[in-house]
Amino acid sequence: VRSLVYTDDAMQLAAHASEAWVDPMGGVALTGPGG
């Protein structure tokens, strides 16, 4: 799995990958449910 930025939904998928890649210009932003 690859992405530039992982939010909650993408991170949930990436957790199941054997290899999760992130772009050097990206990162992870976990917010949780709500709004």
PDB file of all heavy atoms in Angstrom:
ATOM      1  N   VAL A   1       0.856  -1.187   0.000  1.00  0.00           N
ATOM      2  CA  VAL A   1       0.000   0.000   0.000  1.00  0.00           C
ATOM      3  C   VAL A   1       0.889   1.234   0.000  1.00  0.00           C
ATOM      4  O   VAL A   1       1.928   1.256   0.669  1.00  0.00           O
ATOM      5  CB  VAL A   1      -0.915   0.015   1.246  1.00  0.00           C
ATOM      6  CG1 VAL A   1      -1.733   1.298   1.284  1.00  0.00           C
ATOM      7  CG2 VAL A   1      -1.835  -1.193   1.259  1.00  0.00           C
ATOM      8  N   ARG A   2       0.508   2.242  -0.765  1.00  0.00           N
ATOM      9  CA  ARG A   2       1.220   3.510  -0.747  1.00  0.00           C
ATOM     10  C   ARG A   2       0.223   4.662  -0.683  1.00  0.00           C
ATOM     11  O   ARG A   2      -0.921   4.541  -1.118  1.00  0.00           O
ATOM     12  CB  ARG A   2       2.117   3.690  -1.972  1.00  0.00           C
ATOM     13  CG  ARG A   2       1.372   4.001  -3.257  1.00  0.00           C
ATOM     14  CD  ARG A   2       2.278   4.588  -4.356  1.00  0.00           C
ATOM     15  NE  ARG A   2       2.852   5.865  -3.979  1.00  0.00           N
ATOM     16  CZ  ARG A   2       2.233   7.044  -4.188  1.00  0.00           C
ATOM     17  NH1 ARG A   2       1.036   7.087  -4.733  1.00  0.00           N
ATOM     18  NH2 ARG A   2       2.832   8.165  -3.831  1.00  0.00           N
ATOM     19  N   SER A   3       0.701   5.768  -0.130  1.00  0.00           N
ATOM     20  CA  SER A   3      -0.099   6.991  -0.138  1.00  0.00           C
ATOM     21  C   SER A   3       0.821   8.164   0.146  1.00  0.00           C
ATOM     22  O   SER A   3       1.929   8.002   0.663  1.00  0.00           O
ATOM     23  CB  SER A   3      -1.220   6.937   0.894  1.00  0.00           C
ATOM     24  OG  SER A   3      -2.047   8.084   0.787  1.00  0.00           O
ATOM     25  N   LEU A   4       0.332   9.328  -0.191  1.00  0.00           N
ATOM     26  CA  LEU A   4       1.042  10.541   0.181  1.00  0.00           C
ATOM     27  C   LEU A   4       0.735  10.878   1.644  1.00  0.00           C
ATOM     28  O   LEU A   4       1.623  11.143   2.439  1.00  0.00           O
ATOM     29  CB  LEU A   4       0.635  11.701  -0.728  1.00  0.00           C
ATOM     30  CG  LEU A   4       1.365  13.023  -0.525  1.00  0.00           C
ATOM     31  CD1 LEU A   4       2.858  12.874  -0.726  1.00  0.00           C
ATOM     32  CD2 LEU A   4       0.814  14.074  -1.474  1.00  0.00           C
ATOM     33  N   VAL A   5      -0.551  10.802   1.983  1.00  0.00           N
ATOM     34  CA  VAL A   5      -0.998  11.056   3.356  1.00  0.00           C
ATOM     35  C   VAL A   5      -2.000   9.982   3.748  1.00  0.00           C
ATOM     36  O   VAL A   5      -2.924   9.678   2.997  1.00  0.00           O
ATOM     37  CB  VAL A   5      -1.654  12.449   3.487  1.00  0.00           C
ATOM     38  CG1 VAL A   5      -2.207  12.647   4.897  1.00  0.00           C
ATOM     39  CG2 VAL A   5      -0.659  13.547   3.159  1.00  0.00           C
ATOM     40  N   TYR A   6      -1.815   9.414   4.913  1.00  0.00           N
ATOM     41  CA  TYR A   6      -2.763   8.435   5.453  1.00  0.00           C
ATOM     42  C   TYR A   6      -3.640   9.102   6.509  1.00  0.00           C
ATOM     43  O   TYR A   6      -3.149   9.584   7.527  1.00  0.00           O
ATOM     44  CB  TYR A   6      -2.013   7.270   6.106  1.00  0.00           C
ATOM     45  CG  TYR A   6      -1.286   6.353   5.150  1.00  0.00           C
ATOM     46  CD1 TYR A   6       0.060   6.540   4.875  1.00  0.00           C
ATOM     47  CD2 TYR A   6      -1.956   5.303   4.532  1.00  0.00           C
ATOM     48  CE1 TYR A   6       0.740   5.698   4.010  1.00  0.00           C
ATOM     49  CE2 TYR A   6      -1.284   4.451   3.653  1.00  0.00           C
ATOM     50  CZ  TYR A   6       0.056   4.651   3.404  1.00  0.00           C
ATOM     51  OH  TYR A   6       0.717   3.810   2.539  1.00  0.00           O
ATOM     52  N   THR A   7      -4.943   9.144   6.242  1.00  0.00           N
ATOM     53  CA  THR A   7      -5.894   9.507   7.284  1.00  0.00           C
ATOM     54  C   THR A   7      -6.471   8.204   7.853  1.00  0.00           C
ATOM     55  O   THR A   7      -6.021   7.113   7.497  1.00  0.00           O
ATOM     56  CB  THR A   7      -7.000  10.416   6.725  1.00  0.00           C
ATOM     57  OG1 THR A   7      -7.584   9.804   5.573  1.00  0.00           O
ATOM     58  CG2 THR A   7      -6.441  11.775   6.336  1.00  0.00           C
ATOM     59  N   ASP A   8      -7.466   8.298   8.726  1.00  0.00           N
ATOM     60  CA  ASP A   8      -7.941   7.128   9.462  1.00  0.00           C
ATOM     61  C   ASP A   8      -8.298   5.951   8.561  1.00  0.00           C
ATOM     62  O   ASP A   8      -7.885   4.818   8.804  1.00  0.00           O
ATOM     63  CB  ASP A   8      -9.176   7.492  10.292  1.00  0.00           C
ATOM     64  CG  ASP A   8      -8.872   8.541  11.339  1.00  0.00           C
ATOM     65  OD1 ASP A   8      -7.823   9.196  11.253  1.00  0.00           O
ATOM     66  OD2 ASP A   8      -9.696   8.712  12.247  1.00  0.00           O
ATOM     67  N   ASP A   9      -9.087   6.221   7.522  1.00  0.00           N
ATOM     68  CA  ASP A   9      -9.583   5.146   6.670  1.00  0.00           C
ATOM     69  C   ASP A   9      -8.441   4.468   5.909  1.00  0.00           C
ATOM     70  O   ASP A   9      -8.373   3.232   5.832  1.00  0.00           O
ATOM     71  CB  ASP A   9     -10.614   5.691   5.673  1.00  0.00           C
ATOM     72  CG  ASP A   9     -11.700   6.499   6.362  1.00  0.00           C
ATOM     73  OD1 ASP A   9     -11.976   6.221   7.540  1.00  0.00           O
ATOM     74  OD2 ASP A   9     -12.264   7.404   5.736  1.00  0.00           O
ATOM     75  N   ALA A  10      -7.557   5.278   5.350  1.00  0.00           N
ATOM     76  CA  ALA A  10      -6.423   4.724   4.627  1.00  0.00           C
ATOM     77  C   ALA A  10      -5.488   3.965   5.570  1.00  0.00           C
ATOM     78  O   ALA A  10      -4.943   2.911   5.214  1.00  0.00           O
ATOM     79  CB  ALA A  10      -5.658   5.835   3.905  1.00  0.00           C
ATOM     80  N   MET A  11      -5.319   4.491   6.787  1.00  0.00           N
ATOM     81  CA  MET A  11      -4.454   3.814   7.749  1.00  0.00           C
ATOM     82  C   MET A  11      -5.023   2.469   8.159  1.00  0.00           C
ATOM     83  O   MET A  11      -4.279   1.508   8.394  1.00  0.00           O
ATOM     84  CB  MET A  11      -4.272   4.715   8.980  1.00  0.00           C
ATOM     85  CG  MET A  11      -3.198   4.228   9.953  1.00  0.00           C
ATOM     86  SD  MET A  11      -1.548   4.252   9.223  1.00  0.00           S
ATOM     87  CE  MET A  11      -1.096   2.523   9.311  1.00  0.00           C
ATOM     88  N   GLN A  12      -6.345   2.378   8.245  1.00  0.00           N
ATOM     89  CA  GLN A  12      -6.976   1.110   8.594  1.00  0.00           C
ATOM     90  C   GLN A  12      -6.673   0.045   7.540  1.00  0.00           C
ATOM     91  O   GLN A  12      -6.458  -1.121   7.869  1.00  0.00           O
ATOM     92  CB  GLN A  12      -8.487   1.300   8.743  1.00  0.00           C
ATOM     93  CG  GLN A  12      -9.205   0.114   9.378  1.00  0.00           C
ATOM     94  CD  GLN A  12     -10.660   0.413   9.665  1.00  0.00           C
ATOM     95  OE1 GLN A  12     -11.118   1.547   9.529  1.00  0.00           O
ATOM     96  NE2 GLN A  12     -11.408  -0.613  10.054  1.00  0.00           N
ATOM     97  N   LEU A  13      -6.631   0.448   6.279  1.00  0.00           N
ATOM     98  CA  LEU A  13      -6.256  -0.483   5.215  1.00  0.00           C
ATOM     99  C   LEU A  13      -4.760  -0.779   5.260  1.00  0.00           C
ATOM    100  O   LEU A  13      -4.340  -1.935   5.144  1.00  0.00           O
ATOM    101  CB  LEU A  13      -6.630   0.095   3.849  1.00  0.00           C
ATOM    102  CG  LEU A  13      -8.118   0.236   3.530  1.00  0.00           C
ATOM    103  CD1 LEU A  13      -8.293   0.803   2.125  1.00  0.00           C
ATOM    104  CD2 LEU A  13      -8.835  -1.102   3.647  1.00  0.00           C
ATOM    105  N   ALA A  14      -3.947   0.255   5.430  1.00  0.00           N
ATOM    106  CA  ALA A  14      -2.497   0.074   5.421  1.00  0.00           C
ATOM    107  C   ALA A  14      -2.029  -0.846   6.534  1.00  0.00           C
ATOM    108  O   ALA A  14      -1.011  -1.543   6.394  1.00  0.00           O
ATOM    109  CB  ALA A  14      -1.809   1.436   5.539  1.00  0.00           C
ATOM    110  N   ALA A  15      -2.768  -0.888   7.641  1.00  0.00           N
ATOM    111  CA  ALA A  15      -2.389  -1.758   8.748  1.00  0.00           C
ATOM    112  C   ALA A  15      -2.384  -3.223   8.337  1.00  0.00           C
ATOM    113  O   ALA A  15      -1.648  -4.033   8.910  1.00  0.00           O
ATOM    114  CB  ALA A  15      -3.345  -1.546   9.927  1.00  0.00           C
ATOM    115  N   HIS A  16      -3.167  -3.570   7.325  1.00  0.00           N
ATOM    116  CA  HIS A  16      -3.265  -4.964   6.884  1.00  0.00           C
ATOM    117  C   HIS A  16      -2.244  -5.301   5.795  1.00  0.00           C
ATOM    118  O   HIS A  16      -2.220  -6.432   5.299  1.00  0.00           O
ATOM    119  CB  HIS A  16      -4.678  -5.246   6.356  1.00  0.00           C
ATOM    120  CG  HIS A  16      -5.742  -5.189   7.415  1.00  0.00           C
ATOM    121  ND1 HIS A  16      -6.105  -6.289   8.161  1.00  0.00           N
ATOM    122  CD2 HIS A  16      -6.504  -4.170   7.857  1.00  0.00           C
ATOM    123  CE1 HIS A  16      -7.062  -5.949   9.017  1.00  0.00           C
ATOM    124  NE2 HIS A  16      -7.317  -4.671   8.853  1.00  0.00           N
ATOM    125  N   ALA A  17      -1.425  -4.341   5.403  1.00  0.00           N
ATOM    126  CA  ALA A  17      -0.462  -4.562   4.323  1.00  0.00           C
ATOM    127  C   ALA A  17       0.818  -5.193   4.860  1.00  0.00           C
ATOM    128  O   ALA A  17       1.204  -4.987   6.011  1.00  0.00           O
ATOM    129  CB  ALA A  17      -0.138  -3.233   3.636  1.00  0.00           C
ATOM    130  N   SER A  18       1.484  -5.942   3.999  1.00  0.00           N
ATOM    131  CA  SER A  18       2.805  -6.462   4.362  1.00  0.00           C
ATOM    132  C   SER A  18       3.861  -5.375   4.222  1.00  0.00           C
ATOM    133  O   SER A  18       4.886  -5.387   4.912  1.00  0.00           O
ATOM    134  CB  SER A  18       3.167  -7.667   3.481  1.00  0.00           C
ATOM    135  OG  SER A  18       3.036  -7.348   2.107  1.00  0.00           O
ATOM    136  N   GLU A  19       3.617  -4.406   3.318  1.00  0.00           N
ATOM    137  CA  GLU A  19       4.490  -3.246   3.182  1.00  0.00           C
ATOM    138  C   GLU A  19       3.630  -2.007   2.986  1.00  0.00           C
ATOM    139  O   GLU A  19       2.853  -1.934   2.039  1.00  0.00           O
ATOM    140  CB  GLU A  19       5.440  -3.378   1.981  1.00  0.00           C
ATOM    141  CG  GLU A  19       6.561  -4.382   2.167  1.00  0.00           C
ATOM    142  CD  GLU A  19       7.540  -4.363   1.002  1.00  0.00           C
ATOM    143  OE1 GLU A  19       7.690  -3.300   0.355  1.00  0.00           O
ATOM    144  OE2 GLU A  19       8.144  -5.424   0.732  1.00  0.00           O
ATOM    145  N   ALA A  20       3.764  -1.040   3.905  1.00  0.00           N
ATOM    146  CA  ALA A  20       3.064   0.235   3.773  1.00  0.00           C
ATOM    147  C   ALA A  20       4.089   1.324   3.493  1.00  0.00           C
ATOM    148  O   ALA A  20       5.038   1.497   4.260  1.00  0.00           O
ATOM    149  CB  ALA A  20       2.287   0.548   5.049  1.00  0.00           C
ATOM    150  N   TRP A  21       3.906   2.039   2.389  1.00  0.00           N
ATOM    151  CA  TRP A  21       4.840   3.077   1.963  1.00  0.00           C
ATOM    152  C   TRP A  21       4.184   4.450   2.101  1.00  0.00           C
ATOM    153  O   TRP A  21       2.983   4.618   1.879  1.00  0.00           O
ATOM    154  CB  TRP A  21       5.219   2.880   0.494  1.00  0.00           C
ATOM    155  CG  TRP A  21       6.166   1.749   0.225  1.00  0.00           C
ATOM    156  CD1 TRP A  21       5.991   0.430   0.546  1.00  0.00           C
ATOM    157  CD2 TRP A  21       7.417   1.834  -0.443  1.00  0.00           C
ATOM    158  NE1 TRP A  21       7.053  -0.311   0.121  1.00  0.00           N
ATOM    159  CE2 TRP A  21       7.949   0.516  -0.493  1.00  0.00           C
ATOM    160  CE3 TRP A  21       8.145   2.865  -1.009  1.00  0.00           C
ATOM    161  CZ2 TRP A  21       9.174   0.233  -1.090  1.00  0.00           C
ATOM    162  CZ3 TRP A  21       9.360   2.598  -1.607  1.00  0.00           C
ATOM    163  CH2 TRP A  21       9.874   1.284  -1.640  1.00  0.00           C
ATOM    164  N   VAL A  22       4.980   5.442   2.439  1.00  0.00           N
ATOM    165  CA  VAL A  22       4.517   6.818   2.478  1.00  0.00           C
ATOM    166  C   VAL A  22       5.488   7.675   1.683  1.00  0.00           C
ATOM    167  O   VAL A  22       6.703   7.430   1.689  1.00  0.00           O
ATOM    168  CB  VAL A  22       4.390   7.336   3.932  1.00  0.00           C
ATOM    169  CG1 VAL A  22       5.764   7.421   4.613  1.00  0.00           C
ATOM    170  CG2 VAL A  22       3.682   8.684   3.979  1.00  0.00           C
ATOM    171  N   ASP A  23       4.956   8.663   0.983  1.00  0.00           N
ATOM    172  CA  ASP A  23       5.780   9.563   0.186  1.00  0.00           C
ATOM    173  C   ASP A  23       6.631  10.442   1.102  1.00  0.00           C
ATOM    174  O   ASP A  23       6.201  10.808   2.201  1.00  0.00           O
ATOM    175  CB  ASP A  23       4.872  10.439  -0.680  1.00  0.00           C
ATOM    176  CG  ASP A  23       5.643  11.192  -1.739  1.00  0.00           C
ATOM    177  OD1 ASP A  23       6.147  12.302  -1.429  1.00  0.00           O
ATOM    178  OD2 ASP A  23       5.749  10.677  -2.862  1.00  0.00           O
ATOM    179  N   PRO A  24       7.842  10.782   0.686  1.00  0.00           N
ATOM    180  CA  PRO A  24       8.695  11.652   1.515  1.00  0.00           C
ATOM    181  C   PRO A  24       8.036  12.984   1.871  1.00  0.00           C
ATOM    182  O   PRO A  24       8.362  13.588   2.897  1.00  0.00           O
ATOM    183  CB  PRO A  24       9.937  11.870   0.645  1.00  0.00           C
ATOM    184  CG  PRO A  24       9.969  10.705  -0.281  1.00  0.00           C
ATOM    185  CD  PRO A  24       8.542  10.357  -0.546  1.00  0.00           C
ATOM    186  N   MET A  25       7.105  13.459   1.036  1.00  0.00           N
ATOM    187  CA  MET A  25       6.437  14.729   1.293  1.00  0.00           C
ATOM    188  C   MET A  25       5.155  14.552   2.099  1.00  0.00           C
ATOM    189  O   MET A  25       4.442  15.524   2.352  1.00  0.00           O
ATOM    190  CB  MET A  25       6.095  15.414  -0.036  1.00  0.00           C
ATOM    191  CG  MET A  25       7.311  15.796  -0.858  1.00  0.00           C
ATOM    192  SD  MET A  25       8.323  17.054  -0.038  1.00  0.00           S
ATOM    193  CE  MET A  25       7.211  18.444  -0.120  1.00  0.00           C
ATOM    194  N   GLY A  26       4.870  13.312   2.524  1.00  0.00           N
ATOM    195  CA  GLY A  26       3.608  13.032   3.186  1.00  0.00           C
ATOM    196  C   GLY A  26       3.744  12.694   4.650  1.00  0.00           C
ATOM    197  O   GLY A  26       4.715  13.073   5.317  1.00  0.00           O
ATOM    198  N   GLY A  27       2.776  11.946   5.150  1.00  0.00           N
ATOM    199  CA  GLY A  27       2.781  11.558   6.547  1.00  0.00           C
ATOM    200  C   GLY A  27       1.475  10.885   6.920  1.00  0.00           C
ATOM    201  O   GLY A  27       0.734  10.399   6.061  1.00  0.00           O
ATOM    202  N   VAL A  28       1.182  10.847   8.217  1.00  0.00           N
ATOM    203  CA  VAL A  28      -0.037  10.223   8.743  1.00  0.00           C
ATOM    204  C   VAL A  28      -0.747  11.239   9.624  1.00  0.00           C
ATOM    205  O   VAL A  28      -0.115  11.909  10.448  1.00  0.00           O
ATOM    206  CB  VAL A  28       0.288   8.953   9.554  1.00  0.00           C
ATOM    207  CG1 VAL A  28      -0.978   8.378  10.179  1.00  0.00           C
ATOM    208  CG2 VAL A  28       0.974   7.910   8.674  1.00  0.00           C
ATOM    209  N   ALA A  29      -2.065  11.361   9.450  1.00  0.00           N
ATOM    210  CA  ALA A  29      -2.879  12.261  10.275  1.00  0.00           C
ATOM    211  C   ALA A  29      -4.103  11.491  10.758  1.00  0.00           C
ATOM    212  O   ALA A  29      -5.023  11.232   9.981  1.00  0.00           O
ATOM    213  CB  ALA A  29      -3.305  13.488   9.478  1.00  0.00           C
ATOM    214  N   LEU A  30      -4.094  11.085  12.016  1.00  0.00           N
ATOM    215  CA  LEU A  30      -5.197  10.319  12.596  1.00  0.00           C
ATOM    216  C   LEU A  30      -6.063  11.260  13.438  1.00  0.00           C
ATOM    217  O   LEU A  30      -5.574  11.911  14.355  1.00  0.00           O
ATOM    218  CB  LEU A  30      -4.652   9.179  13.457  1.00  0.00           C
ATOM    219  CG  LEU A  30      -3.713   8.193  12.743  1.00  0.00           C
ATOM    220  CD1 LEU A  30      -3.263   7.098  13.700  1.00  0.00           C
ATOM    221  CD2 LEU A  30      -4.381   7.594  11.513  1.00  0.00           C
ATOM    222  N   THR A  31      -7.338  11.319  13.111  1.00  0.00           N
ATOM    223  CA  THR A  31      -8.238  12.262  13.781  1.00  0.00           C
ATOM    224  C   THR A  31      -9.279  11.582  14.660  1.00  0.00           C
ATOM    225  O   THR A  31      -9.775  12.199  15.604  1.00  0.00           O
ATOM    226  CB  THR A  31      -8.967  13.131  12.747  1.00  0.00           C
ATOM    227  OG1 THR A  31      -9.755  12.280  11.891  1.00  0.00           O
ATOM    228  CG2 THR A  31      -7.978  13.908  11.905  1.00  0.00           C
ATOM    229  N   GLY A  32      -9.649  10.336  14.336  1.00  0.00           N
ATOM    230  CA  GLY A  32     -10.720   9.688  15.080  1.00  0.00           C
ATOM    231  C   GLY A  32     -12.083  10.173  14.629  1.00  0.00           C
ATOM    232  O   GLY A  32     -12.204  11.188  13.933  1.00  0.00           O
ATOM    233  N   PRO A  33     -13.150   9.452  15.029  1.00  0.00           N
ATOM    234  CA  PRO A  33     -14.506   9.842  14.613  1.00  0.00           C
ATOM    235  C   PRO A  33     -14.965  11.111  15.313  1.00  0.00           C
ATOM    236  O   PRO A  33     -14.478  11.468  16.387  1.00  0.00           O
ATOM    237  CB  PRO A  33     -15.359   8.641  15.032  1.00  0.00           C
ATOM    238  CG  PRO A  33     -14.615   8.025  16.165  1.00  0.00           C
ATOM    239  CD  PRO A  33     -13.157   8.234  15.865  1.00  0.00           C
ATOM    240  N   GLY A  34     -15.895  11.788  14.696  1.00  0.00           N
ATOM    241  CA  GLY A  34     -16.422  13.022  15.263  1.00  0.00           C
ATOM    242  C   GLY A  34     -16.377  14.139  14.251  1.00  0.00           C
ATOM    243  O   GLY A  34     -16.068  13.933  13.077  1.00  0.00           O
ATOM    244  N   GLY A  35     -16.691  15.317  14.679  1.00  0.00           N
ATOM    245  CA  GLY A  35     -16.699  16.448  13.767  1.00  0.00           C
ATOM    246  C   GLY A  35     -17.486  17.596  14.356  1.00  0.00           C
ATOM    247  O   GLY A  35     -17.864  17.585  15.530  1.00  0.00           O
TER     248      GLY A  35
END
